[in-house]
Amino acid sequence: MGVNIKNPYIECAHFPAQNPQEELFAWLIDKGMSGNAVRDLFTEFCERLSELGIKLKRGNIALSAIHPQVSAFMYTWRRGEGLVLNTNVLHTDVPGEGWFSSPFFFMLTNNINFLHRKLESETELDFPVLVEFRDEGMTDWFCQVFDFGWDFDDSREMGGLVTSWASDRPGGFTEEEYTILHRAIPLFALAVRSIASFRTARSVLETYIGKDTARKVLSGQVRRGSVESINAVLIYADLKGFTKLSDTMPQTELVEMLDLYLDHMASPIELAGGEILKFMGDGILAAFALTDQDVPAICETALQAVNRMKEGVRKLNDDRDASGEPTMGLDIAVHIGDVMYGNVGSETRLDFTVIGPAVNEVSRIEVLCDTLETDFLASGEFVKAAVGCKQELKSCGFHALRGVREPIELFLLG
């Protein structure tokens, strides 16, 4: 929405503004509904507060994340410098002493939602970071915590937003500034929650069902039986020896090892533009969607991804074998065919997946790897389409697949 030149305070039709402060509130409502990036929202919010005459020297936010790698996003803004910190806190990061001695840690562990310190008038500050702020010339600081209602299982984590704000005005924030801040910051937190909730949903869906499938689901394709037919290269990869190891290894070590192998299998596919459709215990089903004009090129890309999978697992096995750790082999089958891609399931529980004869066939081709003493098999249908890869593949004859009427020709890597 553009700004009305005659009345610059009218920006949001849902909340007509009558003065500069209400214009800020209207802007926050608009941004919360539009879904802009939290980083950009925070930066502009700090700038707009400054434009209102608020002597804001520093603003900082930490936003909880529901993400497989990231536990929180952190941003810091300083007047005259803009955004000076833009970082992700990983689940694997080990907190330092600074965290345990911080006001944030104190507030979260004691269920405190608001903390205020007058930096220039309090001679004995109770947190080292506030002493640093005072030494930098800041005079006033307060922190607000907003719980988004994301009930994390770990009681030490809070699902929401932690914000802190500091002034360098002599005497600190004025009463008028506090009036604006105490109204604007909760609106800012609500806008962040609106943006973060959608992005969290997208992150969770991408984590569990893949980026392309997540996009389809979030675009409203959630009706049972809603499917589309696509032509795709299918890759079925399965680890060898996992079942035997599962009887002898501690569970924690077993899962860590499995994750390590699956990462080496999945990463080459995702980097090549394919999509992991399923993690099935110790295996994966992946697909490269085809278009008529790109079929040979996509087949070649898929085969390159397979070679990188094989090489990655081989190097992993070399490293683990050298250190005396257990290893697993990898069998891979590649096929091509029409599959149905969409929602299948009960009225209340759906799975967004691929079904069809080609899916069954690629899994049964993989089973023959042991019989034919190889770690790779490709179907004749794939070889016909992969015209640029035929010199890499050699026939090993026709073989029967369980449940398939006619034997099919299979190929090895030459």
Protein backbone atom coordinates (compact mmCIF):
# COMPACT_ATOMS: atom_id res chain seq x y z
CA MET A 1 0.00 0.00 0.00
CA GLY A 2 1.30 3.45 -0.86
CA VAL A 3 1.29 6.47 1.44
CA ASN A 4 -1.42 9.10 0.90
CA ILE A 5 0.50 12.34 0.19
CA LYS A 6 -2.26 14.62 1.51
CA ASN A 7 -2.47 12.68 4.76
CA PRO A 8 0.78 10.74 5.31
CA TYR A 9 -0.63 9.02 8.39
CA ILE A 10 -3.21 6.95 6.49
CA GLU A 11 -1.38 3.81 5.42
CA CYS A 12 -3.49 0.86 6.55
CA ALA A 13 -7.15 0.64 5.61
CA HIS A 14 -7.74 -1.73 8.52
CA PHE A 15 -6.44 0.78 11.09
CA PRO A 16 -6.66 4.41 9.85
CA ALA A 17 -3.93 6.45 11.51
CA GLN A 18 -4.52 9.95 12.86
CA ASN A 19 -0.98 10.82 14.00
CA PRO A 20 2.63 9.64 13.52
CA GLN A 21 2.41 7.14 16.38
CA GLU A 22 -0.73 5.52 15.05
CA GLU A 23 0.88 5.44 11.62
CA LEU A 24 3.65 3.30 13.16
CA PHE A 25 1.05 0.95 14.66
CA ALA A 26 -0.78 0.73 11.32
CA TRP A 27 2.50 -0.03 9.57
CA LEU A 28 3.20 -2.87 12.03
CA ILE A 29 -0.23 -4.38 11.34
CA ASP A 30 0.37 -4.21 7.58
CA LYS A 31 3.79 -5.84 7.89
CA GLY A 32 2.46 -8.58 10.12
CA MET A 33 -0.13 -9.47 7.50
CA SER A 34 2.22 -9.16 4.50
CA GLY A 35 4.80 -11.66 5.75
CA ASN A 36 8.01 -9.69 5.20
CA ALA A 37 11.28 -11.07 6.58
CA VAL A 38 11.66 -10.58 10.33
CA ARG A 39 15.15 -9.14 9.80
CA ASP A 40 13.79 -6.40 7.54
CA LEU A 41 10.81 -5.74 9.81
CA PHE A 42 13.09 -5.30 12.83
CA THR A 43 15.49 -2.98 10.99
CA GLU A 44 12.75 -0.72 9.70
CA PHE A 45 10.96 -0.75 13.07
CA CYS A 46 14.09 0.61 14.77
CA GLU A 47 14.50 3.26 12.05
CA ARG A 48 10.87 4.33 12.38
CA LEU A 49 11.19 4.61 16.15
CA SER A 50 14.17 6.89 15.63
CA GLU A 51 12.20 8.99 13.13
CA LEU A 52 9.56 9.51 15.82
CA GLY A 53 12.25 11.14 17.96
CA ILE A 54 12.89 8.18 20.26
CA LYS A 55 16.52 8.23 21.31
CA LEU A 56 17.07 4.55 20.58
CA LYS A 57 20.74 3.63 20.59
CA ARG A 58 20.48 -0.15 20.38
CA GLY A 59 17.83 -2.77 19.72
CA ASN A 60 18.23 -6.54 19.89
CA ILE A 61 15.90 -9.48 19.28
CA ALA A 62 16.24 -13.24 19.59
CA LEU A 63 13.56 -15.29 17.86
CA SER A 64 13.03 -18.97 18.62
CA ALA A 65 13.10 -21.31 15.63
CA ILE A 66 11.53 -24.69 14.97
CA HIS A 67 14.18 -25.86 12.56
CA PRO A 68 16.36 -28.99 12.25
CA GLN A 69 19.63 -27.03 12.51
CA VAL A 70 18.79 -23.60 13.96
CA SER A 71 17.45 -22.96 17.47
CA ALA A 72 17.19 -19.16 17.24
CA PHE A 73 17.75 -16.15 15.00
CA MET A 74 19.44 -13.08 16.51
CA TYR A 75 19.57 -9.50 15.21
CA THR A 76 21.11 -6.33 16.67
CA TRP A 77 20.55 -2.78 15.40
CA ARG A 78 22.52 0.33 16.35
CA ARG A 79 21.69 3.91 15.51
CA GLY A 80 23.85 5.19 12.66
CA GLU A 81 25.06 1.67 11.81
CA GLY A 82 21.89 -0.25 11.00
CA LEU A 83 21.90 -4.02 11.44
CA VAL A 84 25.22 -4.98 13.05
CA LEU A 85 24.41 -8.59 14.00
CA ASN A 86 22.55 -11.15 11.90
CA THR A 87 23.27 -14.65 13.13
CA ASN A 88 21.77 -18.07 13.62
CA VAL A 89 22.18 -19.98 16.87
CA LEU A 90 22.56 -23.68 16.08
CA HIS A 91 21.29 -26.56 18.18
CA THR A 92 24.89 -27.76 18.35
CA ASP A 93 26.24 -24.47 19.71
CA VAL A 94 27.47 -24.69 23.30
CA PRO A 95 26.47 -21.61 25.34
CA GLY A 96 29.36 -19.64 26.77
CA GLU A 97 29.73 -17.94 30.15
CA GLY A 98 28.29 -14.77 28.65
CA TRP A 99 24.93 -16.47 28.16
CA PHE A 100 24.67 -17.82 31.70
CA SER A 101 25.52 -14.39 33.15
CA SER A 102 23.14 -12.53 30.84
CA PRO A 103 19.82 -10.92 31.74
CA PHE A 104 18.15 -13.04 29.04
CA PHE A 105 19.15 -16.29 30.76
CA PHE A 106 18.05 -14.89 34.13
CA MET A 107 14.65 -13.88 32.78
CA LEU A 108 13.96 -17.13 30.94
CA THR A 109 14.96 -19.37 33.85
CA ASN A 110 12.93 -17.31 36.33
CA ASN A 111 9.88 -16.81 34.10
CA ILE A 112 10.28 -13.01 34.09
CA ASN A 113 8.72 -11.17 31.14
CA PHE A 114 9.98 -7.62 31.80
CA LEU A 115 13.24 -6.26 33.20
CA HIS A 116 14.32 -2.62 33.41
CA ARG A 117 17.62 -1.04 34.47
CA LYS A 118 18.56 2.66 34.65
CA LEU A 119 22.19 2.34 33.61
CA GLU A 120 23.50 5.75 34.64
CA SER A 121 21.84 5.87 38.07
CA GLU A 122 22.46 2.32 39.28
CA THR A 123 26.02 2.02 40.54
CA GLU A 124 25.87 -1.76 41.05
CA LEU A 125 24.55 -3.36 37.86
CA ASP A 126 23.74 -7.04 38.21
CA PHE A 127 24.70 -8.18 34.71
CA PRO A 128 28.14 -7.72 33.08
CA VAL A 129 26.68 -6.85 29.68
CA LEU A 130 24.82 -3.89 31.19
CA VAL A 131 28.09 -2.57 32.60
CA GLU A 132 29.46 -2.76 29.03
CA PHE A 133 26.46 -0.84 27.72
CA ARG A 134 26.93 1.86 30.37
CA ASP A 135 30.62 2.13 29.48
CA GLU A 136 29.56 2.67 25.84
CA GLY A 137 27.42 5.63 26.89
CA MET A 138 23.99 3.99 27.15
CA THR A 139 21.79 5.31 29.94
CA ASP A 140 18.65 3.18 29.96
CA TRP A 141 17.84 -0.44 29.09
CA PHE A 142 14.84 -2.70 29.27
CA CYS A 143 13.92 -6.16 28.02
CA GLN A 144 10.58 -7.75 27.16
CA VAL A 145 9.93 -11.44 26.55
CA PHE A 146 6.96 -12.64 24.50
CA ASP A 147 5.90 -16.28 24.71
CA PHE A 148 4.29 -17.38 21.42
CA GLY A 149 2.66 -20.43 22.95
CA TRP A 150 4.94 -22.87 21.13
CA ASP A 151 5.02 -25.55 23.82
CA PHE A 152 8.56 -26.87 23.52
CA ASP A 153 9.21 -30.20 25.25
CA ASP A 154 12.49 -28.81 26.60
CA SER A 155 11.47 -26.64 29.54
CA ARG A 156 14.73 -24.72 29.24
CA GLU A 157 13.66 -23.27 25.91
CA MET A 158 11.05 -20.60 25.32
CA GLY A 159 9.18 -20.55 22.05
CA GLY A 160 8.87 -16.87 21.28
CA LEU A 161 10.66 -13.53 21.09
CA VAL A 162 13.13 -11.85 23.42
CA THR A 163 13.65 -8.11 22.81
CA SER A 164 15.87 -5.49 24.44
CA TRP A 165 16.09 -1.74 23.89
CA ALA A 166 18.63 0.84 25.05
CA SER A 167 18.84 4.64 24.98
CA ASP A 168 21.79 7.02 25.30
CA ARG A 169 19.66 10.05 26.17
CA PRO A 170 20.79 11.65 29.46
CA GLY A 171 18.25 10.48 32.01
CA GLY A 172 17.15 7.62 29.77
CA PHE A 173 13.92 7.18 27.82
CA THR A 174 11.35 9.91 28.47
CA GLU A 175 7.83 9.19 29.67
CA GLU A 176 6.53 9.99 26.18
CA GLU A 177 9.02 7.57 24.64
CA TYR A 178 7.98 4.84 27.08
CA THR A 179 4.34 5.41 26.18
CA ILE A 180 5.10 4.82 22.51
CA LEU A 181 7.44 1.89 23.12
CA HIS A 182 5.09 0.08 25.48
CA ARG A 183 2.38 0.21 22.83
CA ALA A 184 4.55 -0.41 19.77
CA ILE A 185 6.77 -3.28 20.97
CA PRO A 186 3.89 -5.71 21.70
CA LEU A 187 2.48 -4.90 18.23
CA PHE A 188 5.94 -5.56 16.79
CA ALA A 189 6.05 -8.90 18.64
CA LEU A 190 2.62 -9.81 17.27
CA ALA A 191 3.78 -8.99 13.72
CA VAL A 192 6.87 -11.15 14.26
CA ARG A 193 4.71 -14.00 15.55
CA SER A 194 2.49 -13.77 12.46
CA ILE A 195 5.50 -13.90 10.13
CA ALA A 196 7.36 -16.54 12.13
CA SER A 197 4.35 -18.86 12.41
CA PHE A 198 4.02 -19.18 8.63
CA ARG A 199 7.76 -19.51 8.14
CA THR A 200 7.90 -22.13 10.88
CA ALA A 201 5.14 -24.09 9.18
CA ARG A 202 7.06 -23.92 5.92
CA SER A 203 10.31 -24.94 7.60
CA VAL A 204 8.69 -27.91 9.30
CA LEU A 205 6.97 -29.04 6.11
CA GLU A 206 10.16 -28.68 4.06
CA THR A 207 12.03 -30.68 6.70
CA TYR A 208 9.59 -33.58 6.66
CA ILE A 209 8.20 -33.68 3.12
CA GLY A 210 10.63 -31.66 0.95
CA LYS A 211 10.61 -28.14 -0.51
CA ASP A 212 8.53 -28.74 -3.62
CA THR A 213 5.94 -30.80 -1.78
CA ALA A 214 5.80 -28.23 1.02
CA ARG A 215 5.13 -25.50 -1.55
CA LYS A 216 2.24 -27.51 -2.95
CA VAL A 217 0.73 -28.15 0.48
CA LEU A 218 1.04 -24.49 1.54
CA SER A 219 -0.58 -23.41 -1.71
CA GLY A 220 -3.72 -25.29 -0.66
CA GLN A 221 -3.27 -28.70 -2.30
CA VAL A 222 -4.45 -30.62 0.76
CA ARG A 223 -7.57 -32.45 -0.46
CA ARG A 224 -7.51 -36.23 -0.30
CA GLY A 225 -7.25 -37.74 -3.76
CA SER A 226 -5.80 -34.56 -5.25
CA VAL A 227 -2.99 -35.97 -7.41
CA GLU A 228 -1.17 -35.15 -10.62
CA SER A 229 0.63 -37.43 -13.00
CA ILE A 230 4.30 -36.67 -13.59
CA ASN A 231 7.09 -38.34 -15.47
CA ALA A 232 10.18 -38.66 -13.30
CA VAL A 233 13.53 -40.30 -12.81
CA LEU A 234 13.23 -42.33 -9.62
CA ILE A 235 16.15 -43.23 -7.38
CA TYR A 236 15.83 -45.89 -4.72
CA ALA A 237 18.86 -46.22 -2.44
CA ASP A 238 19.19 -48.67 0.44
CA LEU A 239 21.94 -49.22 3.01
CA LYS A 240 23.34 -52.73 3.44
CA GLY A 241 24.06 -54.13 6.88
CA PHE A 242 21.91 -51.76 8.92
CA THR A 243 19.61 -54.47 10.30
CA LYS A 244 22.56 -56.53 11.53
CA LEU A 245 24.17 -53.50 13.17
CA SER A 246 20.90 -52.52 14.85
CA ASP A 247 21.11 -55.72 16.91
CA THR A 248 24.62 -54.98 18.20
CA MET A 249 25.02 -51.17 18.50
CA PRO A 250 23.67 -48.83 21.20
CA GLN A 251 20.64 -46.95 19.90
CA THR A 252 22.21 -43.50 20.16
CA GLU A 253 25.28 -44.54 18.16
CA LEU A 254 23.11 -46.37 15.63
CA VAL A 255 20.93 -43.30 14.95
CA GLU A 256 23.96 -41.01 14.71
CA MET A 257 25.55 -43.37 12.17
CA LEU A 258 22.32 -43.67 10.17
CA ASP A 259 21.91 -39.88 10.02
CA LEU A 260 25.49 -39.54 8.81
CA TYR A 261 24.97 -42.02 5.97
CA LEU A 262 21.58 -40.60 4.98
CA ASP A 263 23.12 -37.13 4.80
CA HIS A 264 25.76 -38.41 2.35
CA MET A 265 22.97 -40.01 0.31
CA ALA A 266 20.51 -37.12 0.31
CA SER A 267 22.80 -34.12 -0.15
CA PRO A 268 23.94 -34.95 -3.72
CA ILE A 269 20.32 -35.38 -4.81
CA GLU A 270 19.15 -32.10 -3.28
CA LEU A 271 22.16 -30.18 -4.59
CA ALA A 272 21.40 -31.50 -8.09
CA GLY A 273 17.80 -30.27 -7.92
CA GLY A 274 16.10 -33.55 -7.07
CA GLU A 275 13.73 -34.09 -4.19
CA ILE A 276 13.82 -36.65 -1.41
CA LEU A 277 10.31 -38.10 -1.32
CA LYS A 278 10.78 -40.54 1.53
CA PHE A 279 13.26 -41.64 4.16
CA MET A 280 12.34 -45.27 4.66
CA GLY A 281 14.30 -46.54 7.62
CA ASP A 282 17.73 -47.12 6.11
CA GLY A 283 16.81 -46.06 2.57
CA ILE A 284 15.54 -43.17 0.50
CA LEU A 285 13.21 -42.66 -2.45
CA ALA A 286 14.01 -39.60 -4.55
CA ALA A 287 12.76 -38.12 -7.81
CA PHE A 288 13.85 -35.78 -10.59
CA ALA A 289 10.77 -34.48 -12.38
CA LEU A 290 11.10 -34.52 -16.19
CA THR A 291 10.10 -32.16 -18.96
CA ASP A 292 10.09 -33.24 -22.60
CA GLN A 293 12.86 -30.92 -23.72
CA ASP A 294 15.15 -31.63 -20.76
CA VAL A 295 14.84 -35.41 -20.37
CA PRO A 296 18.41 -36.37 -21.42
CA ALA A 297 19.97 -33.57 -19.39
CA ILE A 298 17.95 -34.40 -16.28
CA CYS A 299 18.80 -38.10 -16.62
CA GLU A 300 22.47 -37.17 -16.80
CA THR A 301 22.09 -34.95 -13.73
CA ALA A 302 20.43 -37.78 -11.83
CA LEU A 303 23.21 -40.19 -12.76
CA GLN A 304 25.84 -37.68 -11.66
CA ALA A 305 24.04 -37.38 -8.33
CA VAL A 306 24.13 -41.17 -8.00
CA ASN A 307 27.88 -41.20 -8.63
CA ARG A 308 28.38 -38.51 -5.97
CA MET A 309 26.28 -40.55 -3.54
CA LYS A 310 28.43 -43.63 -4.17
CA GLU A 311 31.66 -41.67 -3.85
CA GLY A 312 30.52 -39.92 -0.68
CA VAL A 313 29.57 -43.18 1.03
CA ARG A 314 32.81 -44.82 -0.15
CA LYS A 315 34.89 -42.04 1.43
CA LEU A 316 32.79 -42.18 4.57
CA ASN A 317 33.40 -45.92 4.81
CA ASP A 318 37.15 -45.45 4.30
CA ASP A 319 37.27 -42.94 7.17
CA ARG A 320 35.15 -45.07 9.48
CA ASP A 321 37.07 -48.23 8.65
CA ALA A 322 40.37 -46.47 9.38
CA SER A 323 39.11 -45.48 12.83
CA GLY A 324 37.68 -48.93 13.58
CA GLU A 325 34.03 -47.89 13.29
CA PRO A 326 31.34 -50.05 11.64
CA THR A 327 30.45 -49.34 8.01
CA MET A 328 27.53 -49.97 5.67
CA GLY A 329 27.30 -50.58 1.93
CA LEU A 330 24.93 -48.81 -0.44
CA ASP A 331 22.76 -50.25 -3.24
CA ILE A 332 21.11 -47.89 -5.74
CA ALA A 333 18.46 -48.44 -8.42
CA VAL A 334 17.43 -45.91 -11.06
CA HIS A 335 14.24 -46.08 -13.10
CA ILE A 336 12.01 -43.78 -15.09
CA GLY A 337 8.26 -43.70 -15.49
CA ASP A 338 4.92 -42.01 -14.91
CA VAL A 339 3.89 -41.71 -11.29
CA MET A 340 0.96 -40.14 -9.47
CA TYR A 341 2.08 -37.39 -7.14
CA GLY A 342 -0.27 -36.05 -4.48
CA ASN A 343 -2.43 -36.68 -1.42
CA VAL A 344 -3.18 -40.23 -0.35
CA GLY A 345 -4.55 -41.37 3.00
CA SER A 346 -7.51 -41.32 5.34
CA GLU A 347 -9.95 -38.48 5.87
CA THR A 348 -7.86 -36.99 8.67
CA ARG A 349 -4.31 -38.17 7.94
CA LEU A 350 -2.75 -37.63 4.52
CA ASP A 351 0.59 -38.43 2.98
CA PHE A 352 1.91 -36.35 0.07
CA THR A 353 3.82 -38.94 -1.93
CA VAL A 354 4.26 -40.74 -5.23
CA ILE A 355 2.48 -43.95 -6.12
CA GLY A 356 2.30 -46.11 -9.20
CA PRO A 357 3.94 -49.08 -10.92
CA ALA A 358 7.22 -47.24 -11.49
CA VAL A 359 7.67 -46.76 -7.74
CA ASN A 360 7.14 -50.46 -7.10
CA GLU A 361 9.46 -51.38 -9.94
CA VAL A 362 12.40 -49.24 -8.80
CA SER A 363 12.26 -50.76 -5.31
CA ARG A 364 12.24 -54.27 -6.79
CA ILE A 365 15.13 -53.45 -9.11
CA GLU A 366 17.18 -52.46 -6.03
CA VAL A 367 16.47 -55.87 -4.45
CA LEU A 368 18.29 -57.51 -7.39
CA CYS A 369 21.57 -55.72 -6.56
CA ASP A 370 22.55 -58.51 -4.18
CA THR A 371 21.56 -61.23 -6.64
CA LEU A 372 23.60 -59.64 -9.44
CA GLU A 373 26.48 -58.76 -7.08
CA THR A 374 26.46 -55.07 -7.87
CA ASP A 375 25.74 -51.84 -6.00
CA PHE A 376 23.97 -50.14 -8.94
CA LEU A 377 21.26 -51.07 -11.41
CA ALA A 378 19.42 -48.96 -13.98
CA SER A 379 16.35 -49.97 -15.94
CA GLY A 380 16.27 -50.15 -19.71
CA GLU A 381 13.65 -47.38 -19.72
CA PHE A 382 16.08 -45.06 -17.97
CA VAL A 383 18.89 -45.94 -20.37
CA LYS A 384 16.67 -45.19 -23.39
CA ALA A 385 16.00 -41.70 -22.03
CA ALA A 386 19.55 -41.02 -20.83
CA VAL A 387 21.00 -40.78 -24.32
CA GLY A 388 24.11 -38.94 -23.13
CA CYS A 389 24.97 -41.60 -20.54
CA LYS A 390 24.75 -44.80 -22.57
CA GLN A 391 28.52 -45.21 -22.77
CA GLU A 392 28.63 -45.38 -18.96
CA LEU A 393 26.09 -48.23 -18.78
CA LYS A 394 26.22 -51.83 -19.97
CA SER A 395 23.46 -54.41 -20.13
CA CYS A 396 23.37 -57.36 -17.76
CA GLY A 397 20.41 -58.96 -19.50
CA PHE A 398 16.70 -59.29 -18.83
CA HIS A 399 15.47 -60.09 -15.33
CA ALA A 400 12.11 -60.78 -13.74
CA LEU A 401 10.81 -58.43 -11.05
CA ARG A 402 8.43 -59.69 -8.41
CA GLY A 403 4.87 -58.77 -9.36
CA VAL A 404 5.87 -57.50 -12.83
CA ARG A 405 4.56 -59.47 -15.80
CA GLU A 406 7.43 -59.07 -18.26
CA PRO A 407 11.17 -59.28 -17.51
CA ILE A 408 12.99 -55.97 -17.95
CA GLU A 409 16.49 -55.22 -19.15
CA LEU A 410 18.85 -53.98 -16.46
CA PHE A 411 22.15 -52.11 -16.77
CA LEU A 412 25.30 -51.79 -14.70
CA LEU A 413 27.74 -48.92 -14.52
CA GLY A 414 30.39 -49.78 -17.08
